[in-house]
Amino acid sequence: MVNDEVYCWGFGYAGALGNGSSGNETYNTPILATEFQGLEDIHSIEADSAVTMAILNDGQIYCVGKCPDGEAEGFVNAVTLKLIGDVLQ
């Protein structure tokens, strides 16, 4: 994160880079994760090979990529930002 902007790099499987693309492009340098623009009070960013999540100071969790869908072992591909839960509840 730089100046409240989220940047990602790597393999863009299932929209995991947050740039609005579901393609399988590879980026070796950081690109702006435009899907996270407008989120305020980001506490931390977590990512793995297929998902990027932003955890806000109020406990809300937003996701792009292969996101949990609330069902046991279930996932949904989200190219646009998806609210998936709240760690404070």
Protein backbone atom coordinates (compact mmCIF):
# COMPACT_ATOMS: atom_id res chain seq x y z
CA MET A 1 0.00 0.00 0.00
CA VAL A 2 1.33 3.43 -0.98
CA ASN A 3 -0.51 6.65 -0.10
CA ASP A 4 -3.70 4.66 0.64
CA GLU A 5 -3.52 2.92 -2.76
CA VAL A 6 -3.22 -0.85 -3.05
CA TYR A 7 -0.73 -2.33 -5.51
CA CYS A 8 -0.42 -5.99 -6.50
CA TRP A 9 1.83 -8.05 -8.73
CA GLY A 10 2.10 -11.65 -9.84
CA PHE A 11 -0.32 -13.93 -11.68
CA GLY A 12 -3.82 -12.48 -12.14
CA TYR A 13 -5.85 -15.70 -11.80
CA ALA A 14 -9.59 -15.15 -11.16
CA GLY A 15 -9.20 -11.40 -10.68
CA ALA A 16 -6.86 -11.75 -7.70
CA LEU A 17 -4.80 -8.67 -8.60
CA GLY A 18 -7.76 -6.34 -8.15
CA ASN A 19 -7.26 -4.55 -11.46
CA GLY A 20 -10.70 -5.49 -12.86
CA SER A 21 -9.37 -8.26 -15.10
CA SER A 22 -10.12 -11.96 -14.81
CA GLY A 23 -7.38 -12.83 -17.29
CA ASN A 24 -4.34 -14.86 -16.46
CA GLU A 25 -1.82 -12.08 -17.02
CA THR A 26 1.45 -11.98 -15.11
CA TYR A 27 2.81 -8.68 -13.80
CA ASN A 28 6.40 -8.58 -12.56
CA THR A 29 6.10 -5.05 -11.22
CA PRO A 30 3.35 -3.61 -8.99
CA ILE A 31 0.14 -2.43 -10.68
CA LEU A 32 -2.63 -0.34 -9.13
CA ALA A 33 -5.38 -2.56 -7.70
CA THR A 34 -8.19 -0.25 -8.79
CA GLU A 35 -10.91 -2.37 -7.16
CA PHE A 36 -9.66 -1.27 -3.73
CA GLN A 37 -9.87 2.46 -4.53
CA GLY A 38 -12.33 4.24 -2.29
CA LEU A 39 -11.92 1.90 0.68
CA GLU A 40 -11.05 3.89 3.76
CA ASP A 41 -9.19 2.88 6.89
CA ILE A 42 -7.47 -0.22 5.49
CA HIS A 43 -5.76 -2.02 8.36
CA SER A 44 -3.98 -4.68 6.31
CA ILE A 45 -3.81 -6.47 2.98
CA GLU A 46 -3.55 -10.25 2.76
CA ALA A 47 -2.92 -12.21 -0.43
CA ASP A 48 -2.08 -15.64 -1.72
CA SER A 49 -1.98 -17.26 -5.14
CA ALA A 50 -5.66 -16.70 -5.98
CA VAL A 51 -7.07 -14.01 -3.68
CA THR A 52 -6.36 -10.54 -2.27
CA MET A 53 -8.22 -9.31 0.82
CA ALA A 54 -8.36 -5.94 2.55
CA ILE A 55 -9.16 -5.90 6.25
CA LEU A 56 -10.50 -2.54 7.40
CA ASN A 57 -10.04 -1.00 10.84
CA ASP A 58 -13.76 -1.61 11.54
CA GLY A 59 -13.31 -5.36 10.90
CA GLN A 60 -14.93 -5.61 7.47
CA ILE A 61 -13.17 -7.88 4.97
CA TYR A 62 -13.23 -7.18 1.23
CA CYS A 63 -11.99 -9.63 -1.37
CA VAL A 64 -11.11 -10.02 -5.05
CA GLY A 65 -10.14 -13.26 -6.76
CA LYS A 66 -11.20 -16.67 -5.50
CA CYS A 67 -13.26 -15.45 -2.52
CA PRO A 68 -15.02 -17.49 0.16
CA ASP A 69 -18.78 -17.44 -0.46
CA GLY A 70 -19.95 -18.24 3.06
CA GLU A 71 -20.70 -21.87 2.30
CA ALA A 72 -18.58 -24.70 3.66
CA GLU A 73 -15.57 -25.06 1.35
CA GLY A 74 -17.31 -22.79 -1.19
CA PHE A 75 -15.67 -20.12 -3.33
CA VAL A 76 -16.76 -17.59 -5.92
CA ASN A 77 -14.57 -15.79 -8.45
CA ALA A 78 -14.91 -12.05 -7.89
CA VAL A 79 -13.36 -9.65 -10.40
CA THR A 80 -15.05 -6.73 -8.62
CA LEU A 81 -14.62 -6.06 -4.91
CA LYS A 82 -16.82 -8.24 -2.69
CA LEU A 83 -17.63 -7.78 1.01
CA ILE A 84 -17.21 -11.23 2.55
CA GLY A 85 -17.48 -10.72 6.28
CA ASP A 86 -16.62 -8.93 9.46
CA VAL A 87 -13.93 -10.17 11.85
CA LEU A 88 -15.54 -8.32 14.75
CA GLN A 89 -18.84 -10.20 14.65
